[in-house]
Amino acid sequence: MEATYGLISLLPVAVVIICAIITKRAAESLIIGTLVGAILIAGGGFWATWFEYVLVEIGDSAYYILMFGTFGALIRLLDSSGAAMGFADIGAKFANSRKKTMLFTWVLGIIIFVEDYLNALGVGVAMKSLTDKWKISREMLAFITNSTGAAVCVLVPWSSWGVLYASQIDSVGILDMTGFQAYVSSIPYMLYAWIAVIVVPLLCCGIIPLFGPMKLAEERVLASGKVFPEAYYEGDGVTELAGKQKAHAINFILPMLILVVLAIVTEDITFSVIIAIVLLIVMLLAQKRITIGKACDEIVEGFKDMLYVTMLVLLAFVLSDFNDALGLTPYVIESVTPILSPALFPVIVFLVVAALAFCTGSFWGVAAICFPIILPLAVAMGVNPLIAIGTVAAGTSFGSHACFYSDAVTVTCAATGLKNIDYAKTSIPLIMIPFVLGTLAYLILGFVA
């Protein structure tokens, strides 16, 4: 789309970020940001435009509504049946200290590389009871979990990210190799993703000291045992299921294994989750740990648990639609193209793609727009196109890592029982470490390459 709105296209995203900082509430900030987008596009008739965008997105996102609902049902069943606690007993054999528990969480996140949603679901649910036992804050659990989400998914070409990006590279059609070959060859240049994954164990081991709100969160749980932020303990803020009995670890391992295998084979995460739910219910019924009625109740409660998550993701999609209508991405790219040079190409592309991914919360969408522009530009400027591919992938990885209203962060928060704004407050300062190091690395790479 042509960038017809210019600098003003930045306004909705700026409003969302400013409102989130002031109010510390994500959904309300997104609503205000989308309303600003509607006003810019429609003026006095903005209400009708806003409702039209929302209704269209609800229709287009029916798959996501079902997906998040089934996520909630599986999380609820794994929690309430004690299956997650049973798996924690297996993990406890390796994770027998705070440091080892955090490192085990990191390793588990690397192992589950197929899909970032699957990563958040599996790691977040599996490690809650174990990290609670060793007095690790839910904020730290969410940070570790999401740090091994998209960052690992972009580094493994057989993940959903790798497959999709390879197909997008193929569609550009200017390289003398397949999209998959080009993607694999570009992995060494995904510098931010490499650094983001490596920084996690350095923080867990104290080699890089914790600081800011995350340090305060860890001090809180060590002093009081409160794994959630203080505000969660007011009223019914903490909704963790109580009175659970441990089930055998196989009740967690087998459904999750089937989920991973089916996700790889069918490339349909929702179908895979539904089959995992059915398998888990059958196992629990056979063990007389649940009744049909209770299973149905848990599924309904799981869908209810994800209502806020679903609303947040839908609002993020609506914001992305308004950004597209305002021409945000083309405007930013066209604005920085004149200042590009071969030496500055990697760092500027990384910063631009990272900013777009953070602002829009649409990582695959940003990549789909950027690859057809960035790759021909790299070839025309004599820049190695593999560097361009790696830089774009790394920039979108940063967006998934840092954008607090994105679907990736929202699923991570749902799995760990946090609110998105608490993730933003504690994790974004830590994410600035790989961001700054990645920026410097791309600056050096540009001059060296």
Protein backbone atom coordinates (compact mmCIF):
# COMPACT_ATOMS: atom_id res chain seq x y z
CA MET A 1 0.00 0.00 0.00
CA GLU A 2 1.26 3.50 -0.79
CA ALA A 3 2.32 5.55 2.19
CA THR A 4 -0.28 8.30 1.89
CA TYR A 5 -0.37 9.39 5.51
CA GLY A 6 3.36 9.98 6.07
CA LEU A 7 4.58 10.79 9.55
CA ILE A 8 1.05 10.69 10.97
CA SER A 9 0.96 6.91 10.39
CA LEU A 10 3.16 6.57 13.48
CA LEU A 11 0.52 8.14 15.73
CA PRO A 12 -1.62 5.06 16.66
CA VAL A 13 1.42 3.04 17.74
CA ALA A 14 2.84 6.00 19.67
CA VAL A 15 -0.51 6.40 21.47
CA VAL A 16 -0.57 2.70 22.41
CA ILE A 17 2.94 2.80 23.87
CA ILE A 18 2.39 6.06 25.76
CA CYS A 19 -0.97 4.91 27.15
CA ALA A 20 0.53 1.58 28.24
CA ILE A 21 3.33 3.36 30.08
CA ILE A 22 0.89 5.72 31.82
CA THR A 23 -1.97 3.33 32.58
CA LYS A 24 0.00 0.06 32.81
CA ARG A 25 -2.90 -1.61 31.00
CA ALA A 26 -2.51 -3.29 27.62
CA ALA A 27 -6.06 -3.84 26.32
CA GLU A 28 -7.26 -0.32 27.04
CA SER A 29 -4.17 1.13 25.38
CA LEU A 30 -4.77 -0.94 22.26
CA ILE A 31 -8.40 0.17 22.10
CA ILE A 32 -7.36 3.83 22.27
CA GLY A 33 -4.68 3.27 19.64
CA THR A 34 -7.14 1.63 17.24
CA LEU A 35 -9.64 4.44 17.80
CA VAL A 36 -6.93 6.96 16.88
CA GLY A 37 -6.30 4.96 13.70
CA ALA A 38 -10.01 5.05 12.87
CA ILE A 39 -10.14 8.83 13.44
CA LEU A 40 -7.16 9.38 11.13
CA ILE A 41 -8.77 7.30 8.38
CA ALA A 42 -12.44 8.24 8.69
CA GLY A 43 -12.57 11.50 10.63
CA GLY A 44 -16.08 12.12 11.96
CA GLY A 45 -17.34 8.68 10.99
CA PHE A 46 -14.64 6.90 12.94
CA TRP A 47 -17.03 4.81 15.06
CA ALA A 48 -18.44 3.02 12.03
CA THR A 49 -14.94 2.50 10.63
CA TRP A 50 -13.64 1.18 13.94
CA PHE A 51 -16.50 -1.31 14.30
CA GLU A 52 -16.06 -2.40 10.68
CA TYR A 53 -12.37 -3.16 11.24
CA VAL A 54 -13.12 -5.01 14.49
CA LEU A 55 -15.92 -7.11 12.97
CA VAL A 56 -13.82 -7.97 9.92
CA GLU A 57 -10.90 -9.01 12.14
CA ILE A 58 -13.18 -11.16 14.33
CA GLY A 59 -14.35 -12.95 11.20
CA ASP A 60 -10.83 -13.31 9.79
CA SER A 61 -9.43 -14.47 13.13
CA ALA A 62 -11.95 -17.19 13.95
CA TYR A 63 -9.10 -19.70 13.70
CA TYR A 64 -7.13 -17.81 16.33
CA ILE A 65 -10.15 -17.61 18.63
CA LEU A 66 -10.48 -21.39 18.47
CA MET A 67 -6.72 -21.85 18.82
CA PHE A 68 -6.39 -19.77 21.97
CA GLY A 69 -9.49 -21.39 23.45
CA THR A 70 -8.06 -24.87 22.93
CA PHE A 71 -4.75 -23.66 24.41
CA GLY A 72 -6.65 -22.59 27.52
CA ALA A 73 -8.47 -25.92 27.71
CA LEU A 74 -5.22 -27.90 27.48
CA ILE A 75 -3.49 -25.68 30.05
CA ARG A 76 -6.45 -26.08 32.41
CA LEU A 77 -6.56 -29.87 32.04
CA LEU A 78 -2.80 -30.27 32.48
CA ASP A 79 -2.92 -28.08 35.57
CA SER A 80 -6.05 -29.39 37.25
CA SER A 81 -5.24 -33.05 36.65
CA GLY A 82 -1.81 -32.72 38.23
CA ALA A 83 -0.12 -33.80 34.97
CA ALA A 84 2.12 -30.72 34.93
CA MET A 85 3.14 -31.41 38.54
CA GLY A 86 3.96 -34.99 37.57
CA PHE A 87 6.28 -33.74 34.84
CA ALA A 88 7.86 -31.34 37.34
CA ASP A 89 8.90 -34.38 39.39
CA ILE A 90 10.89 -35.62 36.38
CA GLY A 91 12.44 -32.20 35.92
CA ALA A 92 13.28 -32.01 39.61
CA LYS A 93 15.83 -34.80 39.15
CA PHE A 94 17.87 -32.42 37.01
CA ALA A 95 16.70 -29.07 38.34
CA ASN A 96 17.58 -29.37 42.02
CA SER A 97 18.47 -25.72 42.64
CA ARG A 98 17.25 -22.28 41.58
CA LYS A 99 20.01 -21.88 39.01
CA LYS A 100 19.58 -25.37 37.57
CA THR A 101 15.81 -24.89 37.37
CA MET A 102 16.18 -21.73 35.31
CA LEU A 103 18.75 -23.41 33.06
CA PHE A 104 16.48 -26.46 32.68
CA THR A 105 13.67 -24.11 31.62
CA TRP A 106 16.00 -22.57 29.03
CA VAL A 107 17.05 -25.97 27.67
CA LEU A 108 13.42 -27.14 27.47
CA GLY A 109 12.60 -24.01 25.49
CA ILE A 110 15.35 -24.80 23.00
CA ILE A 111 14.14 -28.40 22.62
CA ILE A 112 10.58 -27.28 21.78
CA PHE A 113 11.58 -25.34 18.65
CA VAL A 114 8.74 -26.29 16.31
CA GLU A 115 6.47 -23.31 16.99
CA ASP A 116 6.65 -20.31 19.31
CA TYR A 117 3.07 -20.85 20.53
CA LEU A 118 3.90 -24.48 21.29
CA ASN A 119 7.07 -23.35 23.04
CA ALA A 120 5.17 -20.95 25.29
CA LEU A 121 2.47 -23.51 26.03
CA GLY A 122 4.81 -26.43 26.77
CA VAL A 123 7.52 -24.62 28.72
CA GLY A 124 5.23 -22.25 30.61
CA VAL A 125 2.86 -24.93 31.83
CA ALA A 126 5.54 -27.56 32.47
CA MET A 127 7.78 -25.36 34.59
CA LYS A 128 5.31 -23.40 36.73
CA SER A 129 5.24 -25.72 39.73
CA LEU A 130 8.99 -26.34 39.62
CA THR A 131 9.91 -22.65 39.39
CA ASP A 132 7.41 -21.90 42.16
CA LYS A 133 9.10 -24.54 44.33
CA TRP A 134 12.50 -22.88 43.90
CA LYS A 135 11.11 -19.37 44.40
CA ILE A 136 11.60 -18.12 40.88
CA SER A 137 9.25 -15.30 39.96
CA ARG A 138 6.64 -15.80 37.25
CA GLU A 139 8.13 -12.74 35.57
CA MET A 140 11.47 -14.55 35.24
CA LEU A 141 9.73 -17.70 34.00
CA ALA A 142 7.91 -15.68 31.32
CA PHE A 143 11.15 -13.99 30.25
CA ILE A 144 13.03 -17.26 29.89
CA THR A 145 10.11 -18.91 28.10
CA ASN A 146 9.63 -16.17 25.51
CA SER A 147 13.38 -15.74 25.04
CA THR A 148 13.46 -19.28 23.67
CA GLY A 149 10.37 -18.73 21.54
CA ALA A 150 10.87 -16.86 18.28
CA ALA A 151 14.61 -16.50 18.90
CA VAL A 152 15.02 -20.28 18.67
CA CYS A 153 12.31 -20.70 16.02
CA VAL A 154 14.15 -18.44 13.55
CA LEU A 155 17.44 -20.27 14.14
CA VAL A 156 15.94 -23.69 13.32
CA PRO A 157 14.91 -23.92 9.65
CA TRP A 158 12.43 -26.75 10.32
CA SER A 159 10.28 -24.56 12.57
CA SER A 160 7.09 -22.81 11.47
CA TRP A 161 9.05 -19.55 11.17
CA GLY A 162 11.79 -21.11 9.05
CA VAL A 163 9.35 -22.81 6.66
CA LEU A 164 7.28 -19.65 6.19
CA TYR A 165 10.29 -17.36 5.71
CA ALA A 166 11.85 -19.78 3.21
CA SER A 167 8.64 -19.69 1.15
CA GLN A 168 8.66 -15.88 1.22
CA ILE A 169 12.27 -15.80 0.03
CA ASP A 170 11.31 -18.19 -2.78
CA SER A 171 8.51 -15.86 -3.84
CA VAL A 172 10.96 -12.96 -4.31
CA GLY A 173 12.80 -15.13 -6.87
CA ILE A 174 16.09 -13.24 -7.26
CA LEU A 175 18.54 -15.75 -5.73
CA ASP A 176 20.24 -18.64 -7.48
CA MET A 177 19.26 -21.09 -4.73
CA THR A 178 16.04 -22.28 -3.14
CA GLY A 179 14.43 -20.25 -0.38
CA PHE A 180 15.20 -23.01 2.11
CA GLN A 181 18.87 -23.12 1.11
CA ALA A 182 19.11 -19.35 1.37
CA TYR A 183 17.43 -19.36 4.77
CA VAL A 184 19.77 -22.04 6.14
CA SER A 185 22.78 -20.13 4.79
CA SER A 186 21.56 -16.93 6.45
CA ILE A 187 21.30 -18.41 9.96
CA PRO A 188 24.84 -17.27 10.98
CA TYR A 189 23.73 -13.69 10.28
CA MET A 190 20.73 -13.84 12.64
CA LEU A 191 22.89 -12.15 15.24
CA TYR A 192 20.16 -10.79 17.52
CA ALA A 193 18.51 -14.21 17.80
CA TRP A 194 21.84 -15.87 18.69
CA ILE A 195 22.63 -13.24 21.31
CA ALA A 196 19.10 -13.34 22.78
CA VAL A 197 19.36 -17.10 23.34
CA ILE A 198 22.89 -16.90 24.80
CA VAL A 199 22.09 -14.02 27.18
CA VAL A 200 19.47 -16.07 29.07
CA PRO A 201 21.84 -18.55 30.79
CA LEU A 202 24.25 -15.68 31.51
CA LEU A 203 21.46 -13.93 33.41
CA CYS A 204 20.36 -17.17 35.09
CA CYS A 205 23.89 -17.87 36.33
CA GLY A 206 24.47 -14.31 37.49
CA ILE A 207 27.30 -13.72 35.02
CA ILE A 208 25.19 -10.80 33.85
CA PRO A 209 23.60 -9.44 37.06
CA LEU A 210 19.85 -8.89 37.09
CA PHE A 211 18.76 -5.27 37.32
CA GLY A 212 15.68 -3.09 37.31
CA PRO A 213 12.15 -4.46 37.86
CA MET A 214 13.23 -8.07 37.25
CA LYS A 215 15.76 -7.84 40.06
CA LEU A 216 13.02 -6.49 42.34
CA ALA A 217 10.70 -9.33 41.28
CA GLU A 218 13.32 -11.95 42.18
CA GLU A 219 14.02 -10.23 45.50
CA ARG A 220 10.28 -10.22 46.23
CA VAL A 221 9.83 -13.95 45.74
CA LEU A 222 12.98 -14.79 47.70
CA ALA A 223 11.86 -12.60 50.62
CA SER A 224 8.15 -13.42 50.71
CA GLY A 225 7.63 -16.49 48.54
CA LYS A 226 5.19 -14.53 46.35
CA VAL A 227 5.85 -15.70 42.79
CA PHE A 228 3.36 -13.20 41.37
CA PRO A 229 3.52 -9.39 41.60
CA GLU A 230 2.13 -8.01 44.86
CA ALA A 231 -1.04 -6.69 43.21
CA TYR A 232 -2.03 -10.24 42.22
CA TYR A 233 -2.59 -11.17 45.85
CA GLU A 234 -5.31 -8.56 46.32
CA GLY A 235 -8.82 -10.00 46.00
CA ASP A 236 -8.93 -12.89 43.53
CA GLY A 237 -5.96 -11.77 41.46
CA VAL A 238 -4.15 -15.10 41.83
CA THR A 239 -6.29 -17.76 40.17
CA GLU A 240 -3.92 -20.71 40.28
CA LEU A 241 -5.79 -23.96 40.78
CA ALA A 242 -5.64 -25.28 44.32
CA GLY A 243 -5.91 -28.76 45.79
CA LYS A 244 -4.29 -30.53 42.85
CA GLN A 245 -2.98 -34.06 43.20
CA LYS A 246 0.08 -35.17 41.33
CA ALA A 247 -0.51 -37.40 38.33
CA HIS A 248 2.05 -39.57 36.58
CA ALA A 249 4.42 -37.65 34.31
CA ILE A 250 3.21 -39.68 31.31
CA ASN A 251 -0.04 -37.70 31.50
CA PHE A 252 1.97 -34.64 30.53
CA ILE A 253 4.67 -36.16 28.34
CA LEU A 254 2.50 -38.26 26.00
CA PRO A 255 -0.07 -35.55 25.07
CA MET A 256 2.73 -32.99 24.58
CA LEU A 257 4.73 -35.46 22.48
CA ILE A 258 1.70 -36.17 20.29
CA LEU A 259 1.11 -32.42 20.06
CA VAL A 260 4.67 -31.77 18.83
CA VAL A 261 4.66 -34.64 16.32
CA LEU A 262 1.26 -33.69 14.90
CA ALA A 263 2.27 -30.03 14.69
CA ILE A 264 5.27 -31.04 12.59
CA VAL A 265 3.35 -33.46 10.37
CA THR A 266 0.11 -31.51 9.84
CA GLU A 267 1.44 -27.95 10.28
CA ASP A 268 -1.85 -27.24 12.08
CA ILE A 269 -1.32 -26.29 15.72
CA THR A 270 -5.05 -26.09 16.56
CA PHE A 271 -5.81 -29.57 15.27
CA SER A 272 -2.78 -30.87 17.15
CA VAL A 273 -3.93 -29.27 20.42
CA ILE A 274 -7.43 -30.73 20.03
CA ILE A 275 -6.01 -34.24 19.55
CA ALA A 276 -3.76 -33.73 22.59
CA ILE A 277 -6.81 -32.71 24.66
CA VAL A 278 -8.76 -35.77 23.55
CA LEU A 279 -5.82 -38.05 24.34
CA LEU A 280 -5.33 -36.47 27.77
CA ILE A 281 -9.03 -36.83 28.64
CA VAL A 282 -9.03 -40.49 27.57
CA MET A 283 -5.95 -41.15 29.73
CA LEU A 284 -7.48 -39.39 32.73
CA LEU A 285 -10.78 -41.24 32.30
CA ALA A 286 -8.95 -44.57 32.13
CA GLN A 287 -7.13 -43.69 35.37
CA LYS A 288 -10.43 -42.56 36.95
CA ARG A 289 -8.89 -39.16 37.67
CA ILE A 290 -11.69 -37.27 35.97
CA THR A 291 -15.28 -37.66 34.79
CA ILE A 292 -16.75 -36.65 31.44
CA GLY A 293 -18.68 -33.87 33.15
CA LYS A 294 -15.59 -32.57 34.93
CA ALA A 295 -13.57 -32.69 31.70
CA CYS A 296 -16.22 -30.64 29.90
CA ASP A 297 -16.27 -28.14 32.77
CA GLU A 298 -12.47 -27.76 32.58
CA ILE A 299 -12.62 -27.20 28.83
CA VAL A 300 -15.22 -24.46 29.29
CA GLU A 301 -13.16 -22.88 32.09
CA GLY A 302 -10.07 -23.06 29.85
CA PHE A 303 -11.86 -21.15 27.11
CA LYS A 304 -12.96 -18.58 29.70
CA ASP A 305 -9.38 -18.26 30.98
CA MET A 306 -8.30 -17.22 27.48
CA LEU A 307 -10.98 -14.60 26.85
CA TYR A 308 -8.68 -11.72 27.81
CA VAL A 309 -5.84 -13.27 25.82
CA THR A 310 -8.03 -13.61 22.74
CA MET A 311 -9.30 -10.04 23.07
CA LEU A 312 -5.76 -8.73 23.37
CA VAL A 313 -4.56 -10.57 20.29
CA LEU A 314 -7.59 -9.48 18.24
CA LEU A 315 -6.99 -5.86 19.23
CA ALA A 316 -3.34 -6.20 18.21
CA PHE A 317 -4.49 -7.53 14.82
CA VAL A 318 -6.92 -4.60 14.46
CA LEU A 319 -4.08 -2.19 15.25
CA SER A 320 -1.99 -3.92 12.58
CA ASP A 321 -4.85 -3.48 10.08
CA PHE A 322 -4.99 0.25 10.82
CA ASN A 323 -1.19 0.47 10.50
CA ASP A 324 -1.48 -1.17 7.06
CA ALA A 325 -4.26 1.22 6.02
CA LEU A 326 -2.14 4.18 7.12
CA GLY A 327 0.88 2.85 5.22
CA LEU A 328 3.14 2.63 8.28
CA THR A 329 5.60 0.02 6.97
CA PRO A 330 6.13 1.52 3.47
CA TYR A 331 6.53 4.98 5.00
CA VAL A 332 9.24 3.85 7.41
CA ILE A 333 11.11 1.86 4.74
CA GLU A 334 10.91 4.70 2.20
CA SER A 335 12.11 7.15 4.84
CA VAL A 336 15.30 5.23 5.66
CA THR A 337 16.17 4.00 2.14
CA PRO A 338 17.93 7.26 1.15
CA ILE A 339 20.38 7.00 4.07
CA LEU A 340 21.32 3.38 3.38
CA SER A 341 24.88 2.50 2.40
CA PRO A 342 26.50 -0.95 2.09
CA ALA A 343 28.32 -0.48 5.39
CA LEU A 344 25.25 0.72 7.29
CA PHE A 345 22.82 -1.61 5.51
CA PRO A 346 22.74 -4.40 8.17
CA VAL A 347 22.32 -2.17 11.22
CA ILE A 348 19.72 0.13 9.63
CA VAL A 349 17.68 -2.78 8.27
CA PHE A 350 17.79 -4.49 11.67
CA LEU A 351 16.66 -1.36 13.51
CA VAL A 352 13.88 -0.62 11.02
CA VAL A 353 12.52 -4.19 10.92
CA ALA A 354 12.80 -4.50 14.71
CA ALA A 355 10.92 -1.23 15.20
CA LEU A 356 8.21 -2.22 12.71
CA ALA A 357 7.81 -5.66 14.29
CA PHE A 358 7.58 -4.14 17.78
CA CYS A 359 5.11 -1.45 16.73
CA THR A 360 2.82 -3.61 14.62
CA GLY A 361 3.04 -6.90 16.53
CA SER A 362 2.82 -8.56 13.10
CA PHE A 363 6.10 -10.39 12.62
CA TRP A 364 5.31 -12.61 9.65
CA GLY A 365 3.42 -9.71 8.07
CA VAL A 366 6.42 -7.40 8.44
CA ALA A 367 8.69 -10.06 6.93
CA ALA A 368 6.29 -10.57 4.01
CA ILE A 369 6.45 -6.83 3.26
CA CYS A 370 10.19 -6.42 3.88
CA PHE A 371 11.67 -9.38 1.98
CA PRO A 372 10.47 -8.18 -1.47
CA ILE A 373 11.91 -4.72 -0.73
CA ILE A 374 15.07 -5.50 1.24
CA LEU A 375 16.40 -8.40 -0.88
CA PRO A 376 16.42 -6.58 -4.26
CA LEU A 377 17.84 -3.51 -2.50
CA ALA A 378 20.67 -5.59 -1.03
CA VAL A 379 21.53 -7.07 -4.44
CA ALA A 380 21.44 -3.61 -6.05
CA MET A 381 23.80 -2.21 -3.40
CA GLY A 382 26.19 -5.13 -3.58
CA VAL A 383 25.33 -6.38 -0.08
CA ASN A 384 25.35 -10.13 0.53
CA PRO A 385 21.62 -11.07 0.32
CA LEU A 386 22.16 -13.74 2.97
CA ILE A 387 23.02 -10.94 5.40
CA ALA A 388 19.77 -9.21 4.43
CA ILE A 389 17.75 -12.38 5.06
CA GLY A 390 19.38 -12.98 8.45
CA THR A 391 18.89 -9.37 9.46
CA VAL A 392 15.19 -9.31 8.58
CA ALA A 393 14.60 -12.59 10.43
CA ALA A 394 16.46 -11.28 13.49
CA GLY A 395 14.49 -8.03 13.46
CA THR A 396 11.16 -9.86 13.50
CA SER A 397 12.51 -12.10 16.26
CA PHE A 398 13.11 -8.99 18.37
CA GLY A 399 9.52 -7.90 17.80
CA SER A 400 8.19 -11.24 19.04
CA HIS A 401 10.54 -11.02 22.02
CA ALA A 402 9.68 -7.47 23.07
CA CYS A 403 6.23 -6.45 21.78
CA PHE A 404 4.12 -6.72 24.93
CA TYR A 405 0.78 -6.84 23.09
CA SER A 406 1.85 -9.43 20.51
CA ASP A 407 0.34 -12.89 20.24
CA ALA A 408 3.64 -14.53 21.29
CA VAL A 409 3.91 -12.54 24.52
CA THR A 410 0.18 -12.95 25.18
CA VAL A 411 0.37 -16.76 24.93
CA THR A 412 3.48 -16.76 27.14
CA CYS A 413 1.70 -14.68 29.76
CA ALA A 414 -1.36 -16.93 29.61
CA ALA A 415 0.78 -20.03 30.14
CA THR A 416 2.66 -18.48 33.07
CA GLY A 417 -0.32 -16.70 34.66
CA LEU A 418 1.01 -13.17 34.14
CA LYS A 419 -0.40 -9.98 32.67
CA ASN A 420 1.22 -8.58 29.53
CA ILE A 421 2.10 -5.29 31.15
CA ASP A 422 4.03 -7.08 33.92
CA TYR A 423 6.00 -8.93 31.25
CA ALA A 424 6.77 -5.60 29.58
CA LYS A 425 7.85 -3.93 32.81
CA THR A 426 10.27 -6.68 33.83
CA SER A 427 11.43 -8.24 30.56
CA ILE A 428 11.96 -5.32 28.18
CA PRO A 429 14.88 -3.87 30.22
CA LEU A 430 16.60 -7.28 30.01
CA ILE A 431 15.78 -7.59 26.31
CA MET A 432 17.68 -4.35 25.76
CA ILE A 433 20.91 -6.29 26.45
CA PRO A 434 20.71 -8.48 23.32
CA PHE A 435 19.15 -5.58 21.41
CA VAL A 436 22.10 -3.27 22.07
CA LEU A 437 24.63 -6.05 21.50
CA GLY A 438 22.84 -7.10 18.32
CA THR A 439 22.82 -3.52 17.04
CA LEU A 440 26.56 -3.22 17.65
CA ALA A 441 27.15 -6.60 16.01
CA TYR A 442 25.27 -5.56 12.88
CA LEU A 443 27.17 -2.26 12.79
CA ILE A 444 30.47 -4.15 12.91
CA LEU A 445 29.24 -6.73 10.39
CA GLY A 446 28.39 -3.99 7.89
CA PHE A 447 31.88 -2.53 7.91
CA VAL A 448 33.64 -5.92 7.99
CA ALA A 449 31.51 -7.54 5.27
